[in-house]
Amino acid sequence: MRSMRLVALVLAALTTAACAESSTPAKLPAGAAKSSSTTEVAAVLDDFHDAAARADEDRYFGHLDADSVFLGTDAKERWDKAAFQAYAHPHFAKGKAWTFRAAHRDVVIDRGGNIAWFDESLATEKLGPARGSGVLVKRNGKWVILQYNLTLTIPNERFDVVKEAAEEAKVIGSTENDPVASISWLAGAWVADTPNGNIEETWLPAQGGSMMGSRREIRGGQTIKFETLRIVQSGGALLLSVQPPGGEPANRSSPFGDSHTATFTATDVPWPQKITYHLDGARLFVRLEGEKDTDPVQLYTLQKAVIRR
């Protein structure tokens, strides 16, 4: 009897355990739950950026929590949601806000599964290399952005240049209504590495009815050629003046027009008779043409450069 009673107790315990197991959902491994949350957070951030690129204001700000904070690249840009939306609304109203895409992203989920923090390397249309970081929180089953921090990434070897621009250095820029402002895209420093050495061009912005520049060629550590450059308005055209040291300036003219291309031509000047500048992003393409026995056309590509002491 005792043995029968023991068997019955064992069977009852097994039955109870089986019932309890069948009525309790199986728990996912901790890694699987984390992976799922990471994917959800990534999807929210991707949609956040996509909404900006498509100027979908409601979808964009729908990803921000009511208590969210957005930190921009300027030190003064610390906005709560309402202030950020007031700043951004005119951009969205134009049909396009800004275009960011995460080239790389790391997401960490806390042990409770309701808080996530991230950092992402951003490819941007106008800012250059940038980084986004911040915090998301899960509320009512939905991930929302609690803080987004946008920063520009600065290589250590260029930090002194950026520091100077951010602090005491004055900014020289083109005057909007200047007569030669249509070619202000040429302003800046440019450099090309060629098999025969380096070519450098530097242009001051459009002010006072002119753009002033210089070109030099360096070979074997020595300056072998340099010229003074000037662009002014002449009648209904732009006039490019190229003057070697001790020589007379050679003038070539270009009609006003394309905001990324300018072709200066003349028939009564030494080679080249035609000089074309074309801007493509951070590259400046230069084409020299004319009557010449050898190399009637020369092409070189200049890259945007930064001047440092």
C-alpha atoms as a PDB file:
ATOM      1  CA  MET A   1       0.000   0.000   0.000  1.00  0.00           C
ATOM      2  CA  ARG A   2       2.780   2.390   0.893  1.00  0.00           C
ATOM      3  CA  SER A   3       4.514   1.702  -2.458  1.00  0.00           C
ATOM      4  CA  MET A   4       1.230   2.266  -4.347  1.00  0.00           C
ATOM      5  CA  ARG A   5       0.678   5.544  -2.499  1.00  0.00           C
ATOM      6  CA  LEU A   6       4.277   6.659  -3.399  1.00  0.00           C
ATOM      7  CA  VAL A   7       3.734   5.847  -7.083  1.00  0.00           C
ATOM      8  CA  ALA A   8       0.496   7.881  -7.075  1.00  0.00           C
ATOM      9  CA  LEU A   9       2.252  10.889  -5.550  1.00  0.00           C
ATOM     10  CA  VAL A  10       5.031  10.707  -8.142  1.00  0.00           C
ATOM     11  CA  LEU A  11       2.481  10.472 -10.994  1.00  0.00           C
ATOM     12  CA  ALA A  12       0.563  13.456  -9.593  1.00  0.00           C
ATOM     13  CA  ALA A  13       3.736  15.522  -9.347  1.00  0.00           C
ATOM     14  CA  LEU A  14       4.701  14.675 -12.903  1.00  0.00           C
ATOM     15  CA  THR A  15       1.224  15.548 -14.175  1.00  0.00           C
ATOM     16  CA  THR A  16       1.251  18.897 -12.351  1.00  0.00           C
ATOM     17  CA  ALA A  17       4.696  19.725 -13.743  1.00  0.00           C
ATOM     18  CA  ALA A  18       3.582  18.812 -17.261  1.00  0.00           C
ATOM     19  CA  CYS A  19       0.501  21.019 -17.005  1.00  0.00           C
ATOM     20  CA  ALA A  20       2.550  23.921 -15.652  1.00  0.00           C
ATOM     21  CA  GLU A  21       5.088  23.558 -18.471  1.00  0.00           C
ATOM     22  CA  SER A  22       2.433  23.501 -21.169  1.00  0.00           C
ATOM     23  CA  SER A  23       0.661  26.601 -19.800  1.00  0.00           C
ATOM     24  CA  THR A  24       3.848  28.722 -19.444  1.00  0.00           C
ATOM     25  CA  PRO A  25       5.329  30.155 -22.684  1.00  0.00           C
ATOM     26  CA  ALA A  26       8.907  29.209 -23.345  1.00  0.00           C
ATOM     27  CA  LYS A  27      11.414  31.999 -22.625  1.00  0.00           C
ATOM     28  CA  LEU A  28      13.674  33.140 -25.454  1.00  0.00           C
ATOM     29  CA  PRO A  29      17.402  32.979 -24.855  1.00  0.00           C
ATOM     30  CA  ALA A  30      18.761  36.284 -23.599  1.00  0.00           C
ATOM     31  CA  GLY A  31      20.799  36.759 -26.791  1.00  0.00           C
ATOM     32  CA  ALA A  32      17.752  36.308 -29.023  1.00  0.00           C
ATOM     33  CA  ALA A  33      15.737  38.912 -27.124  1.00  0.00           C
ATOM     34  CA  LYS A  34      18.621  41.372 -27.307  1.00  0.00           C
ATOM     35  CA  SER A  35      19.045  40.782 -31.044  1.00  0.00           C
ATOM     36  CA  SER A  36      15.344  41.437 -31.649  1.00  0.00           C
ATOM     37  CA  SER A  37      15.434  44.704 -29.678  1.00  0.00           C
ATOM     38  CA  THR A  38      18.600  45.806 -31.472  1.00  0.00           C
ATOM     39  CA  THR A  39      16.874  45.260 -34.821  1.00  0.00           C
ATOM     40  CA  GLU A  40      13.841  47.251 -33.667  1.00  0.00           C
ATOM     41  CA  VAL A  41      16.001  50.163 -32.512  1.00  0.00           C
ATOM     42  CA  ALA A  42      17.942  50.160 -35.795  1.00  0.00           C
ATOM     43  CA  ALA A  43      14.671  50.213 -37.739  1.00  0.00           C
ATOM     44  CA  VAL A  44      13.473  53.251 -35.763  1.00  0.00           C
ATOM     45  CA  LEU A  45      16.698  55.154 -36.450  1.00  0.00           C
ATOM     46  CA  ASP A  46      16.663  54.240 -40.157  1.00  0.00           C
ATOM     47  CA  ASP A  47      13.073  55.424 -40.454  1.00  0.00           C
ATOM     48  CA  PHE A  48      13.947  58.594 -38.537  1.00  0.00           C
ATOM     49  CA  HIS A  49      16.601  59.466 -41.147  1.00  0.00           C
ATOM     50  CA  ASP A  50      14.403  58.407 -44.050  1.00  0.00           C
ATOM     51  CA  ALA A  51      11.603  60.703 -42.868  1.00  0.00           C
ATOM     52  CA  ALA A  52      13.994  63.680 -42.903  1.00  0.00           C
ATOM     53  CA  ALA A  53      15.233  62.882 -46.408  1.00  0.00           C
ATOM     54  CA  ARG A  54      11.596  62.705 -47.617  1.00  0.00           C
ATOM     55  CA  ALA A  55      10.532  65.802 -45.649  1.00  0.00           C
ATOM     56  CA  ASP A  56       7.899  63.801 -43.770  1.00  0.00           C
ATOM     57  CA  GLU A  57       7.628  66.009 -40.700  1.00  0.00           C
ATOM     58  CA  ASP A  58       4.951  64.021 -38.874  1.00  0.00           C
ATOM     59  CA  ARG A  59       6.808  60.730 -39.278  1.00  0.00           C
ATOM     60  CA  TYR A  60      10.126  62.314 -38.273  1.00  0.00           C
ATOM     61  CA  PHE A  61       8.906  63.932 -35.064  1.00  0.00           C
ATOM     62  CA  GLY A  62       6.749  60.906 -34.279  1.00  0.00           C
ATOM     63  CA  HIS A  63       9.983  59.101 -33.406  1.00  0.00           C
ATOM     64  CA  LEU A  64      10.869  61.673 -30.733  1.00  0.00           C
ATOM     65  CA  ASP A  65       9.572  61.311 -27.181  1.00  0.00           C
ATOM     66  CA  ALA A  66       7.698  64.243 -25.651  1.00  0.00           C
ATOM     67  CA  ASP A  67      10.661  64.705 -23.283  1.00  0.00           C
ATOM     68  CA  SER A  68      13.290  64.326 -25.997  1.00  0.00           C
ATOM     69  CA  VAL A  69      16.336  66.554 -26.486  1.00  0.00           C
ATOM     70  CA  PHE A  70      18.133  67.129 -29.801  1.00  0.00           C
ATOM     71  CA  LEU A  71      21.728  68.391 -29.693  1.00  0.00           C
ATOM     72  CA  GLY A  72      22.935  69.963 -32.942  1.00  0.00           C
ATOM     73  CA  THR A  73      26.456  70.718 -34.146  1.00  0.00           C
ATOM     74  CA  ASP A  74      26.365  74.327 -32.898  1.00  0.00           C
ATOM     75  CA  ALA A  75      26.925  74.839 -29.171  1.00  0.00           C
ATOM     76  CA  LYS A  76      23.670  76.830 -29.009  1.00  0.00           C
ATOM     77  CA  GLU A  77      21.627  74.031 -30.557  1.00  0.00           C
ATOM     78  CA  ARG A  78      20.112  72.278 -27.558  1.00  0.00           C
ATOM     79  CA  TRP A  79      16.415  71.864 -28.272  1.00  0.00           C
ATOM     80  CA  ASP A  80      13.495  70.147 -26.604  1.00  0.00           C
ATOM     81  CA  LYS A  81      11.014  68.592 -29.025  1.00  0.00           C
ATOM     82  CA  ALA A  82       8.874  71.706 -29.459  1.00  0.00           C
ATOM     83  CA  ALA A  83      11.849  74.010 -30.049  1.00  0.00           C
ATOM     84  CA  PHE A  84      13.485  71.563 -32.454  1.00  0.00           C
ATOM     85  CA  GLN A  85      10.274  71.233 -34.468  1.00  0.00           C
ATOM     86  CA  ALA A  86       9.931  75.018 -34.642  1.00  0.00           C
ATOM     87  CA  TYR A  87      13.494  75.227 -35.992  1.00  0.00           C
ATOM     88  CA  ALA A  88      13.055  72.365 -38.455  1.00  0.00           C
ATOM     89  CA  HIS A  89       9.579  73.171 -39.775  1.00  0.00           C
ATOM     90  CA  PRO A  90      10.717  75.692 -42.434  1.00  0.00           C
ATOM     91  CA  HIS A  91      13.174  73.113 -43.806  1.00  0.00           C
ATOM     92  CA  PHE A  92      10.505  70.414 -44.020  1.00  0.00           C
ATOM     93  CA  ALA A  93       8.106  72.913 -45.603  1.00  0.00           C
ATOM     94  CA  LYS A  94      10.552  73.377 -48.505  1.00  0.00           C
ATOM     95  CA  GLY A  95      10.137  69.695 -49.416  1.00  0.00           C
ATOM     96  CA  LYS A  96      13.504  68.439 -48.177  1.00  0.00           C
ATOM     97  CA  ALA A  97      15.055  68.624 -44.737  1.00  0.00           C
ATOM     98  CA  TRP A  98      18.423  66.831 -44.618  1.00  0.00           C
ATOM     99  CA  THR A  99      19.858  63.540 -45.796  1.00  0.00           C
ATOM    100  CA  PHE A 100      21.679  61.307 -43.301  1.00  0.00           C
ATOM    101  CA  ARG A 101      22.488  57.625 -43.705  1.00  0.00           C
ATOM    102  CA  ALA A 102      24.075  55.361 -41.112  1.00  0.00           C
ATOM    103  CA  ALA A 103      27.232  53.841 -42.585  1.00  0.00           C
ATOM    104  CA  HIS A 104      27.891  51.958 -39.323  1.00  0.00           C
ATOM    105  CA  ARG A 105      25.933  51.677 -36.103  1.00  0.00           C
ATOM    106  CA  ASP A 106      26.364  50.082 -32.668  1.00  0.00           C
ATOM    107  CA  VAL A 107      23.364  49.545 -30.390  1.00  0.00           C
ATOM    108  CA  VAL A 108      23.418  48.394 -26.748  1.00  0.00           C
ATOM    109  CA  ILE A 109      20.283  47.264 -24.882  1.00  0.00           C
ATOM    110  CA  ASP A 110      20.146  47.410 -21.090  1.00  0.00           C
ATOM    111  CA  ARG A 111      19.403  44.274 -19.085  1.00  0.00           C
ATOM    112  CA  GLY A 112      15.810  45.306 -18.496  1.00  0.00           C
ATOM    113  CA  GLY A 113      15.255  45.525 -22.253  1.00  0.00           C
ATOM    114  CA  ASN A 114      13.630  48.981 -22.113  1.00  0.00           C
ATOM    115  CA  ILE A 115      16.555  51.341 -22.646  1.00  0.00           C
ATOM    116  CA  ALA A 116      18.933  51.460 -25.613  1.00  0.00           C
ATOM    117  CA  TRP A 117      21.899  53.666 -26.406  1.00  0.00           C
ATOM    118  CA  PHE A 118      23.626  53.890 -29.754  1.00  0.00           C
ATOM    119  CA  ASP A 119      26.280  55.588 -31.837  1.00  0.00           C
ATOM    120  CA  GLU A 120      26.360  55.709 -35.623  1.00  0.00           C
ATOM    121  CA  SER A 121      28.748  56.962 -38.278  1.00  0.00           C
ATOM    122  CA  LEU A 122      26.759  59.104 -40.698  1.00  0.00           C
ATOM    123  CA  ALA A 123      27.175  59.757 -44.392  1.00  0.00           C
ATOM    124  CA  THR A 124      25.626  63.173 -44.954  1.00  0.00           C
ATOM    125  CA  GLU A 125      24.798  65.246 -47.996  1.00  0.00           C
ATOM    126  CA  LYS A 126      26.160  68.587 -46.765  1.00  0.00           C
ATOM    127  CA  LEU A 127      27.843  68.189 -43.370  1.00  0.00           C
ATOM    128  CA  GLY A 128      30.575  65.781 -44.388  1.00  0.00           C
ATOM    129  CA  PRO A 129      31.585  62.981 -41.976  1.00  0.00           C
ATOM    130  CA  ALA A 130      29.409  63.083 -38.861  1.00  0.00           C
ATOM    131  CA  ARG A 131      28.384  60.986 -35.877  1.00  0.00           C
ATOM    132  CA  GLY A 132      25.009  60.522 -34.231  1.00  0.00           C
ATOM    133  CA  SER A 133      24.564  59.120 -30.746  1.00  0.00           C
ATOM    134  CA  GLY A 134      21.830  59.010 -28.168  1.00  0.00           C
ATOM    135  CA  VAL A 135      19.298  57.104 -26.118  1.00  0.00           C
ATOM    136  CA  LEU A 136      15.994  55.394 -26.885  1.00  0.00           C
ATOM    137  CA  VAL A 137      13.412  54.192 -24.387  1.00  0.00           C
ATOM    138  CA  LYS A 138      10.638  51.664 -24.838  1.00  0.00           C
ATOM    139  CA  ARG A 139       7.277  53.100 -23.816  1.00  0.00           C
ATOM    140  CA  ASN A 140       3.963  51.296 -24.320  1.00  0.00           C
ATOM    141  CA  GLY A 141       5.754  48.735 -26.463  1.00  0.00           C
ATOM    142  CA  LYS A 142       7.268  51.339 -28.810  1.00  0.00           C
ATOM    143  CA  TRP A 143      10.859  52.546 -29.057  1.00  0.00           C
ATOM    144  CA  VAL A 144      11.131  56.350 -29.046  1.00  0.00           C
ATOM    145  CA  ILE A 145      14.183  58.609 -29.184  1.00  0.00           C
ATOM    146  CA  LEU A 146      14.880  60.308 -25.865  1.00  0.00           C
ATOM    147  CA  GLN A 147      18.079  62.061 -26.966  1.00  0.00           C
ATOM    148  CA  TYR A 148      19.877  62.500 -30.285  1.00  0.00           C
ATOM    149  CA  ASN A 149      23.327  64.102 -30.379  1.00  0.00           C
ATOM    150  CA  LEU A 150      24.717  65.146 -33.782  1.00  0.00           C
ATOM    151  CA  THR A 151      28.454  65.897 -33.975  1.00  0.00           C
ATOM    152  CA  LEU A 152      31.046  66.424 -36.685  1.00  0.00           C
ATOM    153  CA  THR A 153      34.047  64.113 -36.565  1.00  0.00           C
ATOM    154  CA  ILE A 154      37.398  65.923 -36.773  1.00  0.00           C
ATOM    155  CA  PRO A 155      40.659  64.078 -37.527  1.00  0.00           C
ATOM    156  CA  ASN A 156      43.224  64.756 -34.815  1.00  0.00           C
ATOM    157  CA  GLU A 157      45.757  66.055 -37.342  1.00  0.00           C
ATOM    158  CA  ARG A 158      43.262  68.755 -38.450  1.00  0.00           C
ATOM    159  CA  PHE A 159      41.992  69.757 -35.048  1.00  0.00           C
ATOM    160  CA  ASP A 160      44.093  72.932 -34.880  1.00  0.00           C
ATOM    161  CA  VAL A 161      42.559  74.197 -38.134  1.00  0.00           C
ATOM    162  CA  VAL A 162      39.023  73.602 -36.892  1.00  0.00           C
ATOM    163  CA  LYS A 163      39.812  75.066 -33.475  1.00  0.00           C
ATOM    164  CA  GLU A 164      41.082  78.264 -35.096  1.00  0.00           C
ATOM    165  CA  ALA A 165      37.941  78.592 -37.220  1.00  0.00           C
ATOM    166  CA  ALA A 166      35.684  77.925 -34.227  1.00  0.00           C
ATOM    167  CA  GLU A 167      37.332  80.477 -31.959  1.00  0.00           C
ATOM    168  CA  GLU A 168      39.057  83.712 -32.945  1.00  0.00           C
ATOM    169  CA  ALA A 169      39.539  83.596 -36.711  1.00  0.00           C
ATOM    170  CA  LYS A 170      37.298  85.878 -38.748  1.00  0.00           C
ATOM    171  CA  VAL A 171      35.373  84.338 -41.624  1.00  0.00           C
ATOM    172  CA  ILE A 172      35.840  85.817 -45.101  1.00  0.00           C
ATOM    173  CA  GLY A 173      32.936  85.014 -47.399  1.00  0.00           C
ATOM    174  CA  SER A 174      31.475  86.118 -50.693  1.00  0.00           C
ATOM    175  CA  THR A 175      29.116  89.079 -50.738  1.00  0.00           C
ATOM    176  CA  GLU A 176      25.772  87.845 -52.065  1.00  0.00           C
ATOM    177  CA  ASN A 177      25.121  90.744 -54.476  1.00  0.00           C
ATOM    178  CA  ASP A 178      28.703  91.161 -55.640  1.00  0.00           C
ATOM    179  CA  PRO A 179      29.071  91.450 -59.452  1.00  0.00           C
ATOM    180  CA  VAL A 180      31.200  88.303 -59.588  1.00  0.00           C
ATOM    181  CA  ALA A 181      29.255  86.314 -56.952  1.00  0.00           C
ATOM    182  CA  SER A 182      28.069  83.865 -59.642  1.00  0.00           C
ATOM    183  CA  ILE A 183      31.517  82.256 -59.559  1.00  0.00           C
ATOM    184  CA  SER A 184      31.954  82.318 -55.772  1.00  0.00           C
ATOM    185  CA  TRP A 185      32.011  78.493 -55.816  1.00  0.00           C
ATOM    186  CA  LEU A 186      35.623  78.795 -56.965  1.00  0.00           C
ATOM    187  CA  ALA A 187      36.717  80.346 -53.653  1.00  0.00           C
ATOM    188  CA  GLY A 188      39.061  78.333 -51.460  1.00  0.00           C
ATOM    189  CA  ALA A 189      42.289  76.368 -51.685  1.00  0.00           C
ATOM    190  CA  TRP A 190      42.786  73.608 -54.250  1.00  0.00           C
ATOM    191  CA  VAL A 191      45.648  71.209 -54.906  1.00  0.00           C
ATOM    192  CA  ALA A 192      46.490  68.578 -57.526  1.00  0.00           C
ATOM    193  CA  ASP A 193      49.196  65.932 -57.312  1.00  0.00           C
ATOM    194  CA  THR A 194      50.497  65.266 -60.830  1.00  0.00           C
ATOM    195  CA  PRO A 195      53.407  63.180 -62.188  1.00  0.00           C
ATOM    196  CA  ASN A 196      55.253  66.477 -62.736  1.00  0.00           C
ATOM    197  CA  GLY A 197      54.666  67.836 -59.234  1.00  0.00           C
ATOM    198  CA  ASN A 198      51.989  69.738 -57.359  1.00  0.00           C
ATOM    199  CA  ILE A 199      49.644  72.399 -58.718  1.00  0.00           C
ATOM    200  CA  GLU A 200      48.017  74.751 -56.215  1.00  0.00           C
ATOM    201  CA  GLU A 201      45.311  77.357 -56.775  1.00  0.00           C
ATOM    202  CA  THR A 202      43.977  79.627 -54.062  1.00  0.00           C
ATOM    203  CA  TRP A 203      41.032  81.991 -54.545  1.00  0.00           C
ATOM    204  CA  LEU A 204      39.694  84.656 -52.194  1.00  0.00           C
ATOM    205  CA  PRO A 205      35.883  85.003 -52.144  1.00  0.00           C
ATOM    206  CA  ALA A 206      33.901  87.455 -54.251  1.00  0.00           C
ATOM    207  CA  GLN A 207      34.068  90.905 -52.635  1.00  0.00           C
ATOM    208  CA  GLY A 208      34.570  94.411 -53.944  1.00  0.00           C
ATOM    209  CA  GLY A 209      33.731  93.357 -57.491  1.00  0.00           C
ATOM    210  CA  SER A 210      36.608  90.891 -57.791  1.00  0.00           C
ATOM    211  CA  MET A 211      37.988  87.491 -56.913  1.00  0.00           C
ATOM    212  CA  MET A 212      41.751  87.407 -56.382  1.00  0.00           C
ATOM    213  CA  GLY A 213      43.787  84.250 -56.675  1.00  0.00           C
ATOM    214  CA  SER A 214      47.166  82.681 -57.324  1.00  0.00           C
ATOM    215  CA  ARG A 215      48.530  79.545 -58.922  1.00  0.00           C
ATOM    216  CA  ARG A 216      51.869  77.898 -58.339  1.00  0.00           C
ATOM    217  CA  GLU A 217      53.568  74.728 -59.529  1.00  0.00           C
ATOM    218  CA  ILE A 218      56.011  72.911 -57.258  1.00  0.00           C
ATOM    219  CA  ARG A 219      58.441  70.286 -58.480  1.00  0.00           C
ATOM    220  CA  GLY A 220      61.167  68.640 -56.438  1.00  0.00           C
ATOM    221  CA  GLY A 221      60.470  70.944 -53.507  1.00  0.00           C
ATOM    222  CA  GLN A 222      60.967  74.080 -55.642  1.00  0.00           C
ATOM    223  CA  THR A 223      58.455  76.595 -57.021  1.00  0.00           C
ATOM    224  CA  ILE A 224      59.007  76.461 -60.779  1.00  0.00           C
ATOM    225  CA  LYS A 225      56.101  78.669 -61.874  1.00  0.00           C
ATOM    226  CA  PHE A 226      53.575  81.028 -60.310  1.00  0.00           C
ATOM    227  CA  GLU A 227      50.879  83.397 -61.594  1.00  0.00           C
ATOM    228  CA  THR A 228      48.533  86.012 -60.189  1.00  0.00           C
ATOM    229  CA  LEU A 229      44.853  85.495 -61.001  1.00  0.00           C
ATOM    230  CA  ARG A 230      41.946  87.913 -60.971  1.00  0.00           C
ATOM    231  CA  ILE A 231      38.278  87.715 -61.987  1.00  0.00           C
ATOM    232  CA  VAL A 232      36.239  90.884 -62.494  1.00  0.00           C
ATOM    233  CA  GLN A 233      33.074  91.850 -64.293  1.00  0.00           C
ATOM    234  CA  SER A 234      33.513  93.414 -67.722  1.00  0.00           C
ATOM    235  CA  GLY A 235      30.341  94.423 -69.503  1.00  0.00           C
ATOM    236  CA  GLY A 236      28.053  91.425 -69.538  1.00  0.00           C
ATOM    237  CA  ALA A 237      30.767  88.863 -68.866  1.00  0.00           C
ATOM    238  CA  LEU A 238      33.387  87.753 -66.368  1.00  0.00           C
ATOM    239  CA  LEU A 239      36.998  88.502 -67.184  1.00  0.00           C
ATOM    240  CA  LEU A 240      39.814  86.202 -66.029  1.00  0.00           C
ATOM    241  CA  SER A 241      43.217  87.865 -65.904  1.00  0.00           C
ATOM    242  CA  VAL A 242      46.317  85.655 -65.637  1.00  0.00           C
ATOM    243  CA  GLN A 243      49.589  87.486 -65.017  1.00  0.00           C
ATOM    244  CA  PRO A 244      53.025  85.838 -64.708  1.00  0.00           C
ATOM    245  CA  PRO A 245      55.676  87.623 -62.632  1.00  0.00           C
ATOM    246  CA  GLY A 246      57.013  90.622 -64.535  1.00  0.00           C
ATOM    247  CA  GLY A 247      54.693  89.958 -67.464  1.00  0.00           C
ATOM    248  CA  GLU A 248      51.562  91.442 -68.930  1.00  0.00           C
ATOM    249  CA  PRO A 249      48.173  90.022 -67.916  1.00  0.00           C
ATOM    250  CA  ALA A 250      46.380  87.801 -70.430  1.00  0.00           C
ATOM    251  CA  ASN A 251      42.626  88.263 -70.318  1.00  0.00           C
ATOM    252  CA  ARG A 252      39.970  85.680 -71.120  1.00  0.00           C
ATOM    253  CA  SER A 253      36.226  86.236 -70.813  1.00  0.00           C
ATOM    254  CA  SER A 254      33.312  84.026 -69.769  1.00  0.00           C
ATOM    255  CA  PRO A 255      29.574  84.718 -70.003  1.00  0.00           C
ATOM    256  CA  PHE A 256      27.537  84.563 -66.815  1.00  0.00           C
ATOM    257  CA  GLY A 257      25.713  81.279 -66.496  1.00  0.00           C
ATOM    258  CA  ASP A 258      26.235  77.859 -65.008  1.00  0.00           C
ATOM    259  CA  SER A 259      26.708  77.840 -61.236  1.00  0.00           C
ATOM    260  CA  HIS A 260      29.284  75.029 -61.437  1.00  0.00           C
ATOM    261  CA  THR A 261      31.104  75.671 -64.734  1.00  0.00           C
ATOM    262  CA  ALA A 262      32.930  78.662 -66.199  1.00  0.00           C
ATOM    263  CA  THR A 263      34.814  78.738 -69.512  1.00  0.00           C
ATOM    264  CA  PHE A 264      37.126  81.681 -70.215  1.00  0.00           C
ATOM    265  CA  THR A 265      38.195  82.172 -73.846  1.00  0.00           C
ATOM    266  CA  ALA A 266      40.281  84.548 -75.968  1.00  0.00           C
ATOM    267  CA  THR A 267      42.038  84.354 -79.339  1.00  0.00           C
ATOM    268  CA  ASP A 268      44.734  86.979 -78.837  1.00  0.00           C
ATOM    269  CA  VAL A 269      46.547  85.464 -75.833  1.00  0.00           C
ATOM    270  CA  PRO A 270      49.316  82.893 -75.453  1.00  0.00           C
ATOM    271  CA  TRP A 271      48.312  79.263 -74.907  1.00  0.00           C
ATOM    272  CA  PRO A 272      45.925  78.283 -73.515  1.00  0.00           C
ATOM    273  CA  GLN A 273      43.217  80.193 -75.359  1.00  0.00           C
ATOM    274  CA  LYS A 274      40.498  78.472 -73.360  1.00  0.00           C
ATOM    275  CA  ILE A 275      40.399  77.689 -69.620  1.00  0.00           C
ATOM    276  CA  THR A 276      37.442  75.791 -68.160  1.00  0.00           C
ATOM    277  CA  TYR A 277      36.715  75.315 -64.465  1.00  0.00           C
ATOM    278  CA  HIS A 278      34.101  72.757 -63.409  1.00  0.00           C
ATOM    279  CA  LEU A 279      33.154  72.051 -59.795  1.00  0.00           C
ATOM    280  CA  ASP A 280      31.996  68.570 -58.808  1.00  0.00           C
ATOM    281  CA  GLY A 281      31.628  68.211 -55.040  1.00  0.00           C
ATOM    282  CA  ALA A 282      35.089  68.553 -53.503  1.00  0.00           C
ATOM    283  CA  ARG A 283      36.842  68.281 -56.877  1.00  0.00           C
ATOM    284  CA  LEU A 284      37.667  71.080 -59.290  1.00  0.00           C
ATOM    285  CA  PHE A 285      38.291  69.967 -62.880  1.00  0.00           C
ATOM    286  CA  VAL A 286      40.469  72.276 -64.989  1.00  0.00           C
ATOM    287  CA  ARG A 287      40.755  71.980 -68.783  1.00  0.00           C
ATOM    288  CA  LEU A 288      43.312  73.961 -70.810  1.00  0.00           C
ATOM    289  CA  GLU A 289      42.912  74.148 -74.589  1.00  0.00           C
ATOM    290  CA  GLY A 290      44.411  76.037 -77.493  1.00  0.00           C
ATOM    291  CA  GLU A 291      46.732  76.045 -80.469  1.00  0.00           C
ATOM    292  CA  LYS A 292      49.833  74.172 -79.470  1.00  0.00           C
ATOM    293  CA  ASP A 293      52.064  71.675 -81.247  1.00  0.00           C
ATOM    294  CA  THR A 294      52.139  69.300 -78.313  1.00  0.00           C
ATOM    295  CA  ASP A 295      49.459  68.592 -75.704  1.00  0.00           C
ATOM    296  CA  PRO A 296      46.796  70.850 -77.217  1.00  0.00           C
ATOM    297  CA  VAL A 297      44.516  69.818 -74.334  1.00  0.00           C
ATOM    298  CA  GLN A 298      45.631  69.451 -70.732  1.00  0.00           C
ATOM    299  CA  LEU A 299      43.418  68.233 -67.912  1.00  0.00           C
ATOM    300  CA  TYR A 300      44.010  68.096 -64.196  1.00  0.00           C
ATOM    301  CA  THR A 301      41.863  67.574 -61.134  1.00  0.00           C
ATOM    302  CA  LEU A 302      42.242  69.683 -58.015  1.00  0.00           C
ATOM    303  CA  GLN A 303      41.048  68.540 -54.614  1.00  0.00           C
ATOM    304  CA  LYS A 304      39.641  70.848 -51.971  1.00  0.00           C
ATOM    305  CA  ALA A 305      42.420  71.733 -49.522  1.00  0.00           C
ATOM    306  CA  VAL A 306      42.803  73.325 -46.094  1.00  0.00           C
ATOM    307  CA  ILE A 307      45.485  75.920 -45.459  1.00  0.00           C
ATOM    308  CA  ARG A 308      47.414  75.499 -42.241  1.00  0.00           C
ATOM    309  CA  ARG A 309      50.454  77.243 -40.844  1.00  0.00           C
END
